[in-house]
């Protein structure tokens, strides 16, 4: 009896052992799938970020110094504060211009037929199919003092101010580059809005403009915020377009970081400037995420609301 009992116990333990080994293999595969992306992100993002932080508190132009000297130089320098403030103002302006041009376009994409919508989508994606350097130099040719744009307006008696070497040229070039980043997420949001809500509001006596403002725009606000946030953050770090279409007197923070790192070899100052910009951007992201979460929950279109 005892021998038969041992055999039965052994036979019953084998499936349990196989089940445990199977669960262990699945757990190891899951951990491996998690470790590899984390290692990739850690090596290519967090390690350079850590190096930048260390340089900002250890590398000083002209010799030794306190850990905060680079930050003190950047935040205490009136000209650098002006450049930092200008960067945010230009980013806000470019974002508003993209919104003014992108919202009607994305809204029209929801009204047209499928074939026309595909053509409009292809037009939006067209900038991604050409090189940024080529596009920017094309704007240099178009916007120069004797270029086609000013010459065309001058032929009709309209004399435009200078379009190159100032913030006007930067705004035009940056808008052309960043507009798809606003149109695409905005169109994805507008496409999901049920237009029957507008018809219902109008059937209850609301004017079309009132229904659009009070019903359609609140539902479109998450897409507007997402597109604007993408454009704003990308514009904060833009270098090539402002460098070619702007001027040194209207430089942005990305150009100043380039000067500190590549010309003056002041890696600590460049790291401090980049870290302040990164922290400011993360704060903006956190505030925007909090606002969007509360807003969508209040509307009942997201979260648990």
Protein backbone atom coordinates (compact mmCIF):
# COMPACT_ATOMS: atom_id res chain seq x y z
CA UNK A 1 0.00 0.00 0.00
CA UNK A 2 2.76 2.40 0.89
CA UNK A 3 4.55 1.74 -2.41
CA UNK A 4 1.38 2.39 -4.41
CA UNK A 5 0.81 5.56 -2.42
CA UNK A 6 4.33 6.79 -3.21
CA UNK A 7 3.80 6.09 -6.93
CA UNK A 8 0.49 7.99 -6.93
CA UNK A 9 2.06 10.89 -5.06
CA UNK A 10 4.95 11.02 -7.53
CA UNK A 11 2.63 10.90 -10.50
CA UNK A 12 0.51 13.70 -9.01
CA UNK A 13 3.57 15.85 -8.32
CA UNK A 14 4.88 15.64 -11.89
CA UNK A 15 2.03 17.74 -13.46
CA UNK A 16 2.40 20.28 -10.67
CA UNK A 17 6.14 20.48 -11.29
CA UNK A 18 5.59 20.92 -15.03
CA UNK A 19 2.99 23.61 -14.34
CA UNK A 20 5.40 25.45 -12.03
CA UNK A 21 8.23 25.25 -14.56
CA UNK A 22 5.86 26.50 -17.28
CA UNK A 23 4.84 29.45 -15.14
CA UNK A 24 8.49 30.15 -14.37
CA UNK A 25 9.40 30.15 -18.07
CA UNK A 26 6.51 32.51 -18.84
CA UNK A 27 7.61 34.78 -15.99
CA UNK A 28 11.19 34.81 -17.25
CA UNK A 29 10.05 35.61 -20.79
CA UNK A 30 7.86 38.42 -19.48
CA UNK A 31 10.74 39.84 -17.43
CA UNK A 32 13.06 39.54 -20.42
CA UNK A 33 10.57 41.40 -22.61
CA UNK A 34 10.42 44.11 -19.96
CA UNK A 35 14.14 44.29 -19.26
CA UNK A 36 15.22 44.74 -22.88
CA UNK A 37 13.15 47.91 -23.54
CA UNK A 38 14.14 49.32 -20.15
CA UNK A 39 17.80 48.67 -20.89
CA UNK A 40 17.44 50.31 -24.30
CA UNK A 41 15.74 53.40 -22.84
CA UNK A 42 18.18 53.54 -19.95
CA UNK A 43 21.24 53.40 -22.19
CA UNK A 44 20.08 55.79 -24.91
CA UNK A 45 18.09 58.24 -22.77
CA UNK A 46 18.77 58.12 -19.04
CA UNK A 47 22.54 57.65 -19.35
CA UNK A 48 23.01 60.75 -21.56
CA UNK A 49 20.61 62.62 -19.27
CA UNK A 50 22.69 61.62 -16.25
CA UNK A 51 25.85 62.72 -18.03
CA UNK A 52 24.25 66.08 -18.79
CA UNK A 53 23.27 66.52 -15.13
CA UNK A 54 26.77 65.63 -13.95
CA UNK A 55 28.40 68.01 -16.42
CA UNK A 56 26.09 70.82 -15.34
CA UNK A 57 27.32 70.54 -11.73
CA UNK A 58 30.95 69.53 -12.37
CA UNK A 59 32.15 71.24 -15.56
CA UNK A 60 32.84 74.97 -15.25
CA UNK A 61 34.14 77.44 -17.80
CA UNK A 62 37.48 78.76 -16.61
CA UNK A 63 38.14 76.28 -13.83
CA UNK A 64 36.62 75.08 -10.58
CA UNK A 65 33.42 76.38 -9.09
CA UNK A 66 30.40 75.54 -6.99
CA UNK A 67 27.88 72.98 -8.23
CA UNK A 68 25.28 75.69 -8.84
CA UNK A 69 27.52 78.14 -10.75
CA UNK A 70 26.28 77.12 -14.21
CA UNK A 71 22.67 77.47 -13.14
CA UNK A 72 23.46 80.77 -11.45
CA UNK A 73 25.09 82.02 -14.66
CA UNK A 74 22.09 80.99 -16.78
CA UNK A 75 19.26 82.10 -14.52
CA UNK A 76 21.09 85.22 -13.32
CA UNK A 77 22.14 86.45 -16.76
CA UNK A 78 19.59 88.99 -18.12
CA UNK A 79 20.41 88.21 -21.75
CA UNK A 80 19.97 84.47 -21.21
CA UNK A 81 16.67 85.04 -19.42
CA UNK A 82 15.55 87.14 -22.37
CA UNK A 83 16.45 84.33 -24.78
CA UNK A 84 14.67 81.79 -22.57
CA UNK A 85 11.55 83.98 -22.45
CA UNK A 86 11.74 84.61 -26.21
CA UNK A 87 11.88 80.88 -26.86
CA UNK A 88 8.61 80.34 -25.00
CA UNK A 89 6.92 83.31 -26.62
CA UNK A 90 7.92 82.19 -30.12
CA UNK A 91 6.81 78.63 -29.33
CA UNK A 92 3.42 79.90 -28.16
CA UNK A 93 3.07 82.06 -31.27
CA UNK A 94 3.96 79.22 -33.64
CA UNK A 95 1.51 76.96 -31.80
CA UNK A 96 -1.30 79.51 -32.22
CA UNK A 97 -0.53 79.94 -35.92
CA UNK A 98 -0.55 76.15 -36.39
CA UNK A 99 -3.86 75.96 -34.56
CA UNK A 100 -5.39 78.75 -36.65
CA UNK A 101 -4.34 76.98 -39.85
CA UNK A 102 -4.75 73.38 -38.69
CA UNK A 103 -8.17 73.39 -37.03
CA UNK A 104 -10.15 74.46 -40.15
CA UNK A 105 -8.16 71.97 -42.20
CA UNK A 106 -8.79 69.08 -39.79
CA UNK A 107 -12.46 70.06 -39.48
CA UNK A 108 -12.84 70.10 -43.27
CA UNK A 109 -11.31 66.62 -43.43
CA UNK A 110 -14.25 65.32 -41.38
CA UNK A 111 -16.79 66.79 -43.83
CA UNK A 112 -15.43 65.76 -47.24
CA UNK A 113 -15.69 62.40 -48.97
CA UNK A 114 -13.25 59.54 -48.59
CA UNK A 115 -11.24 60.26 -51.74
CA UNK A 116 -10.87 63.97 -50.96
CA UNK A 117 -9.96 63.09 -47.38
CA UNK A 118 -7.15 60.84 -48.59
CA UNK A 119 -5.81 63.64 -50.79
CA UNK A 120 -5.93 66.08 -47.87
CA UNK A 121 -4.20 63.55 -45.64
CA UNK A 122 -1.50 63.05 -48.27
CA UNK A 123 -1.00 66.83 -48.43
CA UNK A 124 -0.54 66.88 -44.64
CA UNK A 125 1.97 64.04 -44.77
CA UNK A 126 3.90 65.59 -47.69
CA UNK A 127 6.42 67.44 -45.46
CA UNK A 128 7.50 64.10 -43.97
CA UNK A 129 8.50 62.88 -47.41
CA UNK A 130 11.10 65.59 -47.98
CA UNK A 131 14.28 66.44 -46.12
CA UNK A 132 14.12 69.16 -43.46
CA UNK A 133 17.32 70.78 -44.71
CA UNK A 134 15.97 71.00 -48.26
CA UNK A 135 12.66 72.46 -47.08
CA UNK A 136 14.37 75.06 -44.90
CA UNK A 137 16.72 76.17 -47.67
CA UNK A 138 13.70 76.38 -49.98
CA UNK A 139 12.16 78.87 -47.56
CA UNK A 140 15.43 80.82 -47.58
CA UNK A 141 15.10 81.17 -51.36
CA UNK A 142 11.39 82.03 -51.23
CA UNK A 143 11.56 84.56 -48.38
CA UNK A 144 14.75 86.46 -49.24
CA UNK A 145 14.52 90.17 -50.06
CA UNK A 146 14.48 89.60 -53.82
CA UNK A 147 12.70 86.29 -53.59
CA UNK A 148 9.49 85.18 -55.30
CA UNK A 149 7.17 85.96 -52.37
CA UNK A 150 8.08 89.63 -51.94
CA UNK A 151 8.39 90.11 -55.70
CA UNK A 152 4.89 88.70 -56.29
CA UNK A 153 3.35 91.03 -53.73
CA UNK A 154 5.36 93.98 -55.05
CA UNK A 155 3.92 93.34 -58.53
CA UNK A 156 0.47 94.12 -57.06
CA UNK A 157 1.71 97.20 -55.24
CA UNK A 158 2.02 95.53 -51.83
CA UNK A 159 5.45 95.98 -50.27
CA UNK A 160 6.00 93.40 -47.55
CA UNK A 161 8.47 93.89 -44.72
CA UNK A 162 11.51 91.66 -44.53
CA UNK A 163 10.54 88.01 -44.20
CA UNK A 164 13.99 86.54 -43.62
CA UNK A 165 16.35 87.03 -40.70
CA UNK A 166 13.58 87.67 -38.18
CA UNK A 167 10.83 85.92 -36.26
CA UNK A 168 8.46 86.19 -39.24
CA UNK A 169 10.62 83.83 -41.28
CA UNK A 170 11.06 81.51 -38.30
CA UNK A 171 7.29 81.39 -37.77
CA UNK A 172 6.59 80.61 -41.44
CA UNK A 173 9.21 77.87 -41.66
CA UNK A 174 8.37 76.31 -38.29
CA UNK A 175 4.64 76.33 -39.04
CA UNK A 176 5.20 74.46 -42.29
CA UNK A 177 7.26 71.83 -40.47
CA UNK A 178 5.09 71.44 -37.36
CA UNK A 179 1.60 71.76 -38.83
CA UNK A 180 1.19 67.97 -39.42
CA UNK A 181 1.88 67.33 -35.74
CA UNK A 182 -1.23 69.34 -34.90
CA UNK A 183 -3.51 68.29 -37.75
CA UNK A 184 -3.13 64.53 -37.30
CA UNK A 185 -4.05 64.20 -33.58
CA UNK A 186 -6.72 66.87 -33.99
CA UNK A 187 -8.29 65.06 -36.92
CA UNK A 188 -8.30 61.80 -34.93
CA UNK A 189 -10.31 63.55 -32.21
CA UNK A 190 -12.70 65.38 -34.53
CA UNK A 191 -13.41 62.21 -36.48
CA UNK A 192 -14.72 60.55 -33.31
CA UNK A 193 -17.24 63.31 -32.51
CA UNK A 194 -20.81 62.36 -33.31
CA UNK A 195 -22.18 65.13 -35.52
CA UNK A 196 -25.72 64.07 -34.63
CA UNK A 197 -25.20 66.00 -31.41
CA UNK A 198 -25.06 69.20 -33.44
CA UNK A 199 -28.21 68.21 -35.34
CA UNK A 200 -29.98 67.51 -32.06
CA UNK A 201 -28.95 70.86 -30.63
CA UNK A 202 -30.15 72.69 -33.74
CA UNK A 203 -33.45 70.78 -33.69
CA UNK A 204 -33.96 72.07 -30.14
CA UNK A 205 -33.55 75.65 -31.29
CA UNK A 206 -29.82 76.30 -30.96
CA UNK A 207 -28.15 78.29 -33.70
CA UNK A 208 -25.42 76.47 -35.66
CA UNK A 209 -22.73 78.76 -34.22
CA UNK A 210 -24.00 78.22 -30.68
CA UNK A 211 -24.11 74.45 -31.15
CA UNK A 212 -20.57 74.48 -32.55
CA UNK A 213 -19.16 76.57 -29.70
CA UNK A 214 -20.98 74.89 -26.81
CA UNK A 215 -21.01 71.27 -28.01
CA UNK A 216 -18.43 70.65 -30.70
CA UNK A 217 -15.51 72.68 -29.35
CA UNK A 218 -15.64 71.22 -25.80
CA UNK A 219 -15.55 67.72 -27.28
CA UNK A 220 -12.67 68.73 -29.56
CA UNK A 221 -10.64 70.33 -26.76
CA UNK A 222 -8.62 67.19 -25.82
CA UNK A 223 -7.43 66.89 -29.43
CA UNK A 224 -6.67 70.61 -29.57
CA UNK A 225 -4.62 70.39 -26.38
CA UNK A 226 -2.75 67.30 -27.56
CA UNK A 227 -1.82 68.85 -30.93
CA UNK A 228 -0.86 72.19 -29.41
CA UNK A 229 1.26 70.52 -26.76
CA UNK A 230 3.18 68.50 -29.34
CA UNK A 231 3.84 71.56 -31.49
CA UNK A 232 4.83 73.68 -28.48
CA UNK A 233 7.31 71.15 -27.08
CA UNK A 234 8.87 70.46 -30.49
CA UNK A 235 9.27 74.19 -31.09
CA UNK A 236 11.06 74.62 -27.76
CA UNK A 237 13.94 72.47 -29.02
CA UNK A 238 13.99 73.61 -32.65
CA UNK A 239 17.46 74.53 -33.85
CA UNK A 240 17.94 74.26 -37.61
CA UNK A 241 14.92 76.30 -38.78
CA UNK A 242 15.49 79.25 -36.40
CA UNK A 243 19.21 79.20 -37.17
CA UNK A 244 18.65 79.53 -40.93
CA UNK A 245 15.52 81.67 -41.07
CA UNK A 246 16.18 83.83 -38.01
CA UNK A 247 19.12 85.95 -36.92
CA UNK A 248 21.66 85.93 -34.08
CA UNK A 249 19.93 88.91 -32.48
CA UNK A 250 16.72 86.84 -32.23
CA UNK A 251 18.29 83.54 -31.29
CA UNK A 252 16.46 80.89 -29.29
CA UNK A 253 17.73 78.71 -26.47
CA UNK A 254 18.63 75.81 -28.77
CA UNK A 255 21.03 78.09 -30.65
CA UNK A 256 22.56 79.26 -27.38
CA UNK A 257 23.10 75.66 -26.24
CA UNK A 258 24.82 74.95 -29.56
CA UNK A 259 27.11 77.96 -29.08
CA UNK A 260 28.02 76.97 -25.51
CA UNK A 261 28.76 73.34 -26.39
CA UNK A 262 30.30 73.49 -29.87
CA UNK A 263 32.03 76.87 -29.92
CA UNK A 264 32.92 77.62 -26.30
CA UNK A 265 33.19 73.97 -25.18
CA UNK A 266 31.24 74.98 -22.06
CA UNK A 267 29.53 71.63 -21.60
CA UNK A 268 28.45 72.48 -18.06
CA UNK A 269 26.63 75.62 -19.14
CA UNK A 270 25.02 73.83 -22.04
CA UNK A 271 23.92 71.03 -19.72
CA UNK A 272 22.45 73.49 -17.23
CA UNK A 273 20.49 75.26 -19.96
CA UNK A 274 19.21 71.97 -21.36
CA UNK A 275 18.24 70.69 -17.92
CA UNK A 276 16.31 73.85 -17.04
CA UNK A 277 14.49 73.58 -20.37
CA UNK A 278 13.74 69.89 -19.74
CA UNK A 279 12.38 70.51 -16.24
CA UNK A 280 10.21 73.36 -17.51
CA UNK A 281 8.87 71.15 -20.30
CA UNK A 282 8.08 68.32 -17.88
CA UNK A 283 6.19 70.73 -15.64
CA UNK A 284 4.14 71.91 -18.61
CA UNK A 285 3.42 68.30 -19.55
CA UNK A 286 2.32 67.46 -16.01
CA UNK A 287 0.00 70.48 -15.80
CA UNK A 288 -1.47 69.73 -19.23
CA UNK A 289 -2.02 66.06 -18.37
CA UNK A 290 -3.74 66.99 -15.10
CA UNK A 291 -5.98 69.52 -16.83
CA UNK A 292 -6.87 67.13 -19.65
CA UNK A 293 -7.67 64.30 -17.22
CA UNK A 294 -9.96 66.48 -15.12
CA UNK A 295 -11.60 68.00 -18.17
CA UNK A 296 -12.33 64.69 -19.88
CA UNK A 297 -13.60 63.23 -16.61
CA UNK A 298 -15.91 66.22 -16.16
CA UNK A 299 -17.27 65.71 -19.69
CA UNK A 300 -17.65 62.00 -19.14
CA UNK A 301 -15.55 61.10 -22.20
CA UNK A 302 -12.59 59.62 -20.39
CA UNK A 303 -11.43 58.06 -17.18
CA UNK A 304 -14.07 56.84 -14.77
CA UNK A 305 -16.47 59.74 -15.17
